[in-house]
Amino acid sequence: MRALVFDVGNTAAKYGYFENNELREAGKVLLDNALLELVQRLLPEHAVVSSVVEPTAIWAEALRREVGGKVLEFASATTPLPITNAYATPTTLGADRLAAAVGAAWLRPGQDTLIVDAGTALKCDWLEGGHTFRGGSIAPGLRMRFQALHMFTGRLPLVELPVAAPVDIPLTGTDTSSAIRSGVLNGAVAEVNGLIDSYRQQSPNLGTLLAGGDAGFFQPRLKGPIFVVPELVLIGLYRILVHNVEI
């Protein structure tokens, strides 16, 4: 099966091309001639589009003109899933969180998993037994934390996330910028490690999957075992598409 999956997020629209259950290509794409060129080059049989920022109808309409098979618009509350969604308010659940859980279920069948998605928001979600999405937590991502300190105060500077931050970030900032950097970065790491510890009290054999644009920052700083899967949401969207093609 050849399939294209699209994850329209807060900062970019990502795509993945799958062939026979293998991710062959991934990147970013715009809803313009680039989308048409991508479809015509890869010739997918089916496609799925998911979004956390805008309706999927425009994307789906463009895809249906080029894709002969199923074009699925993923909706958290209504799309059939290969896992159980136990979230109390499915209509408010971000599609990316649920897709990541489906990806985790495929990669770690039958196993308790904590999914840490470090992107625009910092999300930690619990997949129980490899088959039931329970929910989790949502907090500001690293850049959002830096921006909030700058925007909602009168004099604090805007501090950027270091491109290659050392593993040990000084705990005690000796000037305002380094104090902000310590508070944001060390605080976020402590926050996630605290959540990992709490979930491991429930499940001693817990595994953690790490995804998102800031996964590279968190990976050396989190308590193991940690498995980095940058394309976890794309994998989950593909498994949702396969499930809906086969039913």
C-alpha atoms as a PDB file:
ATOM      1  CA  MET A   1       0.000   0.000   0.000  1.00  0.00           C
ATOM      2  CA  ARG A   2       1.303   3.433  -0.987  1.00  0.00           C
ATOM      3  CA  ALA A   3       0.032   6.269   1.185  1.00  0.00           C
ATOM      4  CA  LEU A   4       0.616   9.943   1.910  1.00  0.00           C
ATOM      5  CA  VAL A   5      -0.121  11.319   5.369  1.00  0.00           C
ATOM      6  CA  PHE A   6      -0.310  14.990   6.299  1.00  0.00           C
ATOM      7  CA  ASP A   7      -0.015  16.499   9.771  1.00  0.00           C
ATOM      8  CA  VAL A   8      -0.928  20.195   9.713  1.00  0.00           C
ATOM      9  CA  GLY A   9       0.487  21.637  12.914  1.00  0.00           C
ATOM     10  CA  ASN A  10       0.950  24.990  14.605  1.00  0.00           C
ATOM     11  CA  THR A  11       4.232  25.797  12.882  1.00  0.00           C
ATOM     12  CA  ALA A  12       4.374  23.588   9.771  1.00  0.00           C
ATOM     13  CA  ALA A  13       2.546  21.046   7.631  1.00  0.00           C
ATOM     14  CA  LYS A  14       4.473  17.780   7.652  1.00  0.00           C
ATOM     15  CA  TYR A  15       4.043  14.885   5.257  1.00  0.00           C
ATOM     16  CA  GLY A  16       5.118  11.277   5.211  1.00  0.00           C
ATOM     17  CA  TYR A  17       5.131   8.808   2.348  1.00  0.00           C
ATOM     18  CA  PHE A  18       4.651   5.157   3.314  1.00  0.00           C
ATOM     19  CA  GLU A  19       5.064   2.103   1.167  1.00  0.00           C
ATOM     20  CA  ASN A  20       4.355  -1.388   2.530  1.00  0.00           C
ATOM     21  CA  ASN A  21       4.337  -0.163   6.158  1.00  0.00           C
ATOM     22  CA  GLU A  22       7.687   1.614   5.792  1.00  0.00           C
ATOM     23  CA  LEU A  23       8.203   5.369   5.986  1.00  0.00           C
ATOM     24  CA  ARG A  24      10.131   6.132   2.792  1.00  0.00           C
ATOM     25  CA  GLU A  25      10.096   9.934   2.804  1.00  0.00           C
ATOM     26  CA  ALA A  26       9.141  12.807   5.116  1.00  0.00           C
ATOM     27  CA  GLY A  27       9.289  16.575   4.962  1.00  0.00           C
ATOM     28  CA  LYS A  28       7.269  19.794   4.981  1.00  0.00           C
ATOM     29  CA  VAL A  29       4.803  20.975   2.356  1.00  0.00           C
ATOM     30  CA  LEU A  30       2.524  23.931   1.610  1.00  0.00           C
ATOM     31  CA  LEU A  31      -1.026  23.801   0.280  1.00  0.00           C
ATOM     32  CA  ASP A  32      -0.153  25.034  -3.196  1.00  0.00           C
ATOM     33  CA  ASN A  33       1.591  23.647  -6.264  1.00  0.00           C
ATOM     34  CA  ALA A  34       4.030  21.855  -3.954  1.00  0.00           C
ATOM     35  CA  LEU A  35       1.239  19.547  -2.774  1.00  0.00           C
ATOM     36  CA  LEU A  36       0.253  18.733  -6.367  1.00  0.00           C
ATOM     37  CA  GLU A  37       3.857  18.032  -7.332  1.00  0.00           C
ATOM     38  CA  LEU A  38       4.291  15.773  -4.299  1.00  0.00           C
ATOM     39  CA  VAL A  39       1.222  13.687  -5.124  1.00  0.00           C
ATOM     40  CA  GLN A  40       2.100  13.417  -8.809  1.00  0.00           C
ATOM     41  CA  ARG A  41       5.643  12.329  -7.989  1.00  0.00           C
ATOM     42  CA  LEU A  42       4.795   9.714  -5.355  1.00  0.00           C
ATOM     43  CA  LEU A  43       1.459   8.452  -6.795  1.00  0.00           C
ATOM     44  CA  PRO A  44      -0.138   7.348  -3.497  1.00  0.00           C
ATOM     45  CA  GLU A  45      -3.106   4.987  -3.502  1.00  0.00           C
ATOM     46  CA  HIS A  46      -4.602   6.527  -0.344  1.00  0.00           C
ATOM     47  CA  ALA A  47      -4.084   9.620   1.821  1.00  0.00           C
ATOM     48  CA  VAL A  48      -4.981  10.997   5.241  1.00  0.00           C
ATOM     49  CA  VAL A  49      -4.892  14.570   6.500  1.00  0.00           C
ATOM     50  CA  SER A  50      -4.982  15.735  10.116  1.00  0.00           C
ATOM     51  CA  SER A  51      -4.856  19.252  11.523  1.00  0.00           C
ATOM     52  CA  VAL A  52      -4.735  20.971  14.893  1.00  0.00           C
ATOM     53  CA  VAL A  53      -5.038  24.502  13.496  1.00  0.00           C
ATOM     54  CA  GLU A  54      -7.465  24.597  10.571  1.00  0.00           C
ATOM     55  CA  PRO A  55     -10.219  22.537   8.925  1.00  0.00           C
ATOM     56  CA  THR A  56      -8.993  19.653   6.783  1.00  0.00           C
ATOM     57  CA  ALA A  57     -11.599  20.108   4.030  1.00  0.00           C
ATOM     58  CA  ILE A  58      -9.412  22.237   1.732  1.00  0.00           C
ATOM     59  CA  TRP A  59      -6.527  19.786   1.971  1.00  0.00           C
ATOM     60  CA  ALA A  60      -8.844  16.813   1.425  1.00  0.00           C
ATOM     61  CA  GLU A  61     -10.505  18.427  -1.580  1.00  0.00           C
ATOM     62  CA  ALA A  62      -7.129  19.014  -3.230  1.00  0.00           C
ATOM     63  CA  LEU A  63      -6.065  15.435  -2.521  1.00  0.00           C
ATOM     64  CA  ARG A  64      -9.275  13.887  -3.846  1.00  0.00           C
ATOM     65  CA  ARG A  65      -8.623  15.456  -7.235  1.00  0.00           C
ATOM     66  CA  GLU A  66      -5.380  13.485  -7.482  1.00  0.00           C
ATOM     67  CA  VAL A  67      -5.703  10.370  -5.302  1.00  0.00           C
ATOM     68  CA  GLY A  68      -7.874   7.559  -6.619  1.00  0.00           C
ATOM     69  CA  GLY A  69      -8.354   5.671  -3.342  1.00  0.00           C
ATOM     70  CA  LYS A  70      -9.487   6.724   0.120  1.00  0.00           C
ATOM     71  CA  VAL A  71      -8.780  10.258   1.342  1.00  0.00           C
ATOM     72  CA  LEU A  72      -9.412  10.293   5.088  1.00  0.00           C
ATOM     73  CA  GLU A  73      -9.980  13.444   7.120  1.00  0.00           C
ATOM     74  CA  PHE A  74      -8.910  12.399  10.594  1.00  0.00           C
ATOM     75  CA  ALA A  75     -11.220  13.576  13.385  1.00  0.00           C
ATOM     76  CA  SER A  76     -10.406  12.525  16.938  1.00  0.00           C
ATOM     77  CA  ALA A  77     -14.019  12.070  18.021  1.00  0.00           C
ATOM     78  CA  THR A  78     -15.406  10.168  15.027  1.00  0.00           C
ATOM     79  CA  THR A  79     -12.720   8.411  12.981  1.00  0.00           C
ATOM     80  CA  PRO A  80     -12.504   4.647  13.688  1.00  0.00           C
ATOM     81  CA  LEU A  81      -9.276   3.759  15.499  1.00  0.00           C
ATOM     82  CA  PRO A  82      -7.182   0.629  16.101  1.00  0.00           C
ATOM     83  CA  ILE A  83      -6.983   1.581  19.809  1.00  0.00           C
ATOM     84  CA  THR A  84      -9.496   2.569  22.481  1.00  0.00           C
ATOM     85  CA  ASN A  85      -9.897   6.284  23.166  1.00  0.00           C
ATOM     86  CA  ALA A  86     -10.861   6.737  26.830  1.00  0.00           C
ATOM     87  CA  TYR A  87     -10.518  10.547  26.795  1.00  0.00           C
ATOM     88  CA  ALA A  88     -13.511  12.152  28.514  1.00  0.00           C
ATOM     89  CA  THR A  89     -13.961  14.898  25.880  1.00  0.00           C
ATOM     90  CA  PRO A  90     -12.907  13.422  22.516  1.00  0.00           C
ATOM     91  CA  THR A  91     -14.165  16.442  20.576  1.00  0.00           C
ATOM     92  CA  THR A  92     -11.526  18.609  22.313  1.00  0.00           C
ATOM     93  CA  LEU A  93      -8.673  16.129  21.932  1.00  0.00           C
ATOM     94  CA  GLY A  94      -5.905  17.253  19.583  1.00  0.00           C
ATOM     95  CA  ALA A  95      -5.571  14.963  16.593  1.00  0.00           C
ATOM     96  CA  ASP A  96      -1.790  14.908  16.945  1.00  0.00           C
ATOM     97  CA  ARG A  97      -1.997  13.528  20.498  1.00  0.00           C
ATOM     98  CA  LEU A  98      -4.284  10.694  19.462  1.00  0.00           C
ATOM     99  CA  ALA A  99      -2.274   9.913  16.327  1.00  0.00           C
ATOM    100  CA  ALA A 100       0.901   9.720  18.410  1.00  0.00           C
ATOM    101  CA  ALA A 101      -0.831   7.219  20.714  1.00  0.00           C
ATOM    102  CA  VAL A 102      -1.784   5.054  17.733  1.00  0.00           C
ATOM    103  CA  GLY A 103       1.825   5.181  16.572  1.00  0.00           C
ATOM    104  CA  ALA A 104       2.992   4.157  20.043  1.00  0.00           C
ATOM    105  CA  ALA A 105       0.555   1.240  20.056  1.00  0.00           C
ATOM    106  CA  TRP A 106       1.990   0.026  16.748  1.00  0.00           C
ATOM    107  CA  LEU A 107       5.607   0.345  17.913  1.00  0.00           C
ATOM    108  CA  ARG A 108       5.053  -1.006  21.451  1.00  0.00           C
ATOM    109  CA  PRO A 109       2.098  -3.422  21.267  1.00  0.00           C
ATOM    110  CA  GLY A 110       0.730  -4.476  24.639  1.00  0.00           C
ATOM    111  CA  GLN A 111       3.100  -2.209  26.589  1.00  0.00           C
ATOM    112  CA  ASP A 112       2.538   0.782  28.854  1.00  0.00           C
ATOM    113  CA  THR A 113       3.972   3.868  27.178  1.00  0.00           C
ATOM    114  CA  LEU A 114       4.414   7.516  28.057  1.00  0.00           C
ATOM    115  CA  ILE A 115       4.467   9.699  24.948  1.00  0.00           C
ATOM    116  CA  VAL A 116       6.431  12.940  25.305  1.00  0.00           C
ATOM    117  CA  ASP A 117       5.796  15.266  22.363  1.00  0.00           C
ATOM    118  CA  ALA A 118       8.098  18.266  22.720  1.00  0.00           C
ATOM    119  CA  GLY A 119       6.855  20.747  20.162  1.00  0.00           C
ATOM    120  CA  THR A 120       5.016  24.073  20.280  1.00  0.00           C
ATOM    121  CA  ALA A 121       3.340  22.604  23.363  1.00  0.00           C
ATOM    122  CA  LEU A 122       4.923  20.060  25.682  1.00  0.00           C
ATOM    123  CA  LYS A 123       2.558  17.103  25.849  1.00  0.00           C
ATOM    124  CA  CYS A 124       2.907  13.968  27.965  1.00  0.00           C
ATOM    125  CA  ASP A 125       0.294  11.297  27.267  1.00  0.00           C
ATOM    126  CA  TRP A 126      -0.379   7.874  28.748  1.00  0.00           C
ATOM    127  CA  LEU A 127      -1.065   4.806  26.591  1.00  0.00           C
ATOM    128  CA  GLU A 128      -2.145   2.009  28.912  1.00  0.00           C
ATOM    129  CA  GLY A 129      -1.371  -1.559  27.935  1.00  0.00           C
ATOM    130  CA  GLY A 130      -0.533  -0.541  24.395  1.00  0.00           C
ATOM    131  CA  HIS A 131      -4.211  -0.228  23.541  1.00  0.00           C
ATOM    132  CA  THR A 132      -6.014   2.461  25.588  1.00  0.00           C
ATOM    133  CA  PHE A 133      -5.387   6.208  25.376  1.00  0.00           C
ATOM    134  CA  ARG A 134      -6.034   7.690  28.831  1.00  0.00           C
ATOM    135  CA  GLY A 135      -4.982  11.324  28.338  1.00  0.00           C
ATOM    136  CA  GLY A 136      -2.173  13.234  29.950  1.00  0.00           C
ATOM    137  CA  SER A 137      -0.864  16.762  30.312  1.00  0.00           C
ATOM    138  CA  ILE A 138      -0.322  19.827  28.133  1.00  0.00           C
ATOM    139  CA  ALA A 139       2.123  22.582  29.040  1.00  0.00           C
ATOM    140  CA  PRO A 140       3.869  25.396  27.163  1.00  0.00           C
ATOM    141  CA  GLY A 141       6.774  24.306  24.983  1.00  0.00           C
ATOM    142  CA  LEU A 142      10.270  25.703  25.388  1.00  0.00           C
ATOM    143  CA  ARG A 143       9.959  28.597  22.943  1.00  0.00           C
ATOM    144  CA  MET A 144       6.556  29.519  24.321  1.00  0.00           C
ATOM    145  CA  ARG A 145       8.043  29.745  27.814  1.00  0.00           C
ATOM    146  CA  PHE A 146      10.833  32.041  26.653  1.00  0.00           C
ATOM    147  CA  GLN A 147       8.345  34.206  24.743  1.00  0.00           C
ATOM    148  CA  ALA A 148       5.907  34.436  27.670  1.00  0.00           C
ATOM    149  CA  LEU A 149       8.573  35.736  30.042  1.00  0.00           C
ATOM    150  CA  HIS A 150       9.458  38.436  27.536  1.00  0.00           C
ATOM    151  CA  MET A 151       5.925  39.398  26.489  1.00  0.00           C
ATOM    152  CA  PHE A 152       4.273  39.458  29.913  1.00  0.00           C
ATOM    153  CA  THR A 153       6.963  41.369  31.774  1.00  0.00           C
ATOM    154  CA  GLY A 154       8.278  44.858  31.362  1.00  0.00           C
ATOM    155  CA  ARG A 155      12.023  44.296  31.234  1.00  0.00           C
ATOM    156  CA  LEU A 156      12.916  40.632  30.800  1.00  0.00           C
ATOM    157  CA  PRO A 157      14.720  40.012  27.486  1.00  0.00           C
ATOM    158  CA  LEU A 158      13.714  37.451  24.885  1.00  0.00           C
ATOM    159  CA  VAL A 159      16.105  34.532  25.277  1.00  0.00           C
ATOM    160  CA  GLU A 160      16.387  32.043  22.424  1.00  0.00           C
ATOM    161  CA  LEU A 161      16.629  28.281  22.759  1.00  0.00           C
ATOM    162  CA  PRO A 162      20.302  27.353  22.230  1.00  0.00           C
ATOM    163  CA  VAL A 163      20.909  25.471  18.996  1.00  0.00           C
ATOM    164  CA  ALA A 164      23.162  22.963  20.756  1.00  0.00           C
ATOM    165  CA  ALA A 165      22.647  23.362  24.492  1.00  0.00           C
ATOM    166  CA  PRO A 166      25.149  21.525  26.717  1.00  0.00           C
ATOM    167  CA  VAL A 167      23.700  18.620  28.644  1.00  0.00           C
ATOM    168  CA  ASP A 168      24.428  20.382  31.940  1.00  0.00           C
ATOM    169  CA  ILE A 169      22.793  23.814  31.920  1.00  0.00           C
ATOM    170  CA  PRO A 170      24.003  25.839  34.936  1.00  0.00           C
ATOM    171  CA  LEU A 171      21.431  25.600  37.705  1.00  0.00           C
ATOM    172  CA  THR A 172      22.254  29.047  39.006  1.00  0.00           C
ATOM    173  CA  GLY A 173      22.055  31.814  36.435  1.00  0.00           C
ATOM    174  CA  THR A 174      24.639  34.516  37.046  1.00  0.00           C
ATOM    175  CA  ASP A 175      22.892  37.155  34.904  1.00  0.00           C
ATOM    176  CA  THR A 176      19.306  37.693  33.759  1.00  0.00           C
ATOM    177  CA  SER A 177      19.624  35.794  30.484  1.00  0.00           C
ATOM    178  CA  SER A 178      21.260  32.762  32.076  1.00  0.00           C
ATOM    179  CA  ALA A 179      18.710  32.837  34.911  1.00  0.00           C
ATOM    180  CA  ILE A 180      15.878  32.722  32.367  1.00  0.00           C
ATOM    181  CA  ARG A 181      17.647  29.938  30.492  1.00  0.00           C
ATOM    182  CA  SER A 182      18.051  27.935  33.695  1.00  0.00           C
ATOM    183  CA  GLY A 183      14.440  28.460  34.729  1.00  0.00           C
ATOM    184  CA  VAL A 184      12.957  27.487  31.378  1.00  0.00           C
ATOM    185  CA  LEU A 185      15.250  24.629  30.382  1.00  0.00           C
ATOM    186  CA  ASN A 186      16.067  23.050  33.735  1.00  0.00           C
ATOM    187  CA  GLY A 187      12.465  23.589  34.823  1.00  0.00           C
ATOM    188  CA  ALA A 188      11.036  21.842  31.767  1.00  0.00           C
ATOM    189  CA  VAL A 189      13.402  18.887  32.153  1.00  0.00           C
ATOM    190  CA  ALA A 190      12.551  18.547  35.852  1.00  0.00           C
ATOM    191  CA  GLU A 191       8.853  18.744  34.979  1.00  0.00           C
ATOM    192  CA  VAL A 192       9.019  15.906  32.456  1.00  0.00           C
ATOM    193  CA  ASN A 193      11.295  13.743  34.599  1.00  0.00           C
ATOM    194  CA  GLY A 194       8.862  14.217  37.476  1.00  0.00           C
ATOM    195  CA  LEU A 195       6.012  13.003  35.288  1.00  0.00           C
ATOM    196  CA  ILE A 196       8.065  10.003  34.151  1.00  0.00           C
ATOM    197  CA  ASP A 197       8.737   9.107  37.803  1.00  0.00           C
ATOM    198  CA  SER A 198       5.047   9.413  38.672  1.00  0.00           C
ATOM    199  CA  TYR A 199       3.946   7.199  35.792  1.00  0.00           C
ATOM    200  CA  ARG A 200       6.628   4.636  36.626  1.00  0.00           C
ATOM    201  CA  GLN A 201       5.081   4.288  40.065  1.00  0.00           C
ATOM    202  CA  GLN A 202       1.994   3.009  38.236  1.00  0.00           C
ATOM    203  CA  SER A 203       3.959   0.968  35.692  1.00  0.00           C
ATOM    204  CA  PRO A 204       7.516  -0.128  36.606  1.00  0.00           C
ATOM    205  CA  ASN A 205       8.060  -1.400  33.044  1.00  0.00           C
ATOM    206  CA  LEU A 206       7.062   1.888  31.463  1.00  0.00           C
ATOM    207  CA  GLY A 207       8.707   2.879  28.200  1.00  0.00           C
ATOM    208  CA  THR A 208       8.916   6.470  26.999  1.00  0.00           C
ATOM    209  CA  LEU A 209       8.616   7.563  23.369  1.00  0.00           C
ATOM    210  CA  LEU A 210       9.962  11.029  22.607  1.00  0.00           C
ATOM    211  CA  ALA A 211       8.885  13.044  19.570  1.00  0.00           C
ATOM    212  CA  GLY A 212       8.532  16.646  18.451  1.00  0.00           C
ATOM    213  CA  GLY A 213      10.886  19.362  17.267  1.00  0.00           C
ATOM    214  CA  ASP A 214      12.636  19.694  20.636  1.00  0.00           C
ATOM    215  CA  ALA A 215      13.136  15.948  21.125  1.00  0.00           C
ATOM    216  CA  GLY A 216      16.870  16.378  20.554  1.00  0.00           C
ATOM    217  CA  PHE A 217      17.093  18.749  23.530  1.00  0.00           C
ATOM    218  CA  PHE A 218      15.194  16.463  25.906  1.00  0.00           C
ATOM    219  CA  GLN A 219      16.633  13.091  24.882  1.00  0.00           C
ATOM    220  CA  PRO A 220      19.961  13.231  26.786  1.00  0.00           C
ATOM    221  CA  ARG A 221      18.292  14.821  29.816  1.00  0.00           C
ATOM    222  CA  LEU A 222      15.400  12.435  30.508  1.00  0.00           C
ATOM    223  CA  LYS A 223      15.400   9.312  32.637  1.00  0.00           C
ATOM    224  CA  GLY A 224      15.580   6.152  30.513  1.00  0.00           C
ATOM    225  CA  PRO A 225      14.665   4.054  28.795  1.00  0.00           C
ATOM    226  CA  ILE A 226      13.854   6.726  26.211  1.00  0.00           C
ATOM    227  CA  PHE A 227      13.150   5.934  22.552  1.00  0.00           C
ATOM    228  CA  VAL A 228      13.267   8.865  20.132  1.00  0.00           C
ATOM    229  CA  VAL A 229      10.734   8.562  17.298  1.00  0.00           C
ATOM    230  CA  PRO A 230      10.681  11.893  15.432  1.00  0.00           C
ATOM    231  CA  GLU A 231       7.915  10.833  13.039  1.00  0.00           C
ATOM    232  CA  LEU A 232       5.619   9.258  15.654  1.00  0.00           C
ATOM    233  CA  VAL A 233       2.543  11.287  14.634  1.00  0.00           C
ATOM    234  CA  LEU A 234       3.052  10.420  10.949  1.00  0.00           C
ATOM    235  CA  ILE A 235       3.360   6.735  11.837  1.00  0.00           C
ATOM    236  CA  GLY A 236       0.146   6.927  13.841  1.00  0.00           C
ATOM    237  CA  LEU A 237      -1.728   8.662  11.017  1.00  0.00           C
ATOM    238  CA  TYR A 238      -0.593   5.953   8.631  1.00  0.00           C
ATOM    239  CA  ARG A 239      -1.846   3.196  10.955  1.00  0.00           C
ATOM    240  CA  ILE A 240      -5.198   5.028  11.274  1.00  0.00           C
ATOM    241  CA  LEU A 241      -5.436   5.195   7.487  1.00  0.00           C
ATOM    242  CA  VAL A 242      -4.621   1.498   7.135  1.00  0.00           C
ATOM    243  CA  HIS A 243      -7.258   0.661   9.727  1.00  0.00           C
ATOM    244  CA  ASN A 244      -9.902   2.651   7.835  1.00  0.00           C
ATOM    245  CA  VAL A 245      -8.941   1.245   4.436  1.00  0.00           C
ATOM    246  CA  GLU A 246      -9.205  -2.323   5.743  1.00  0.00           C
ATOM    247  CA  ILE A 247     -12.508  -2.058   7.663  1.00  0.00           C
END
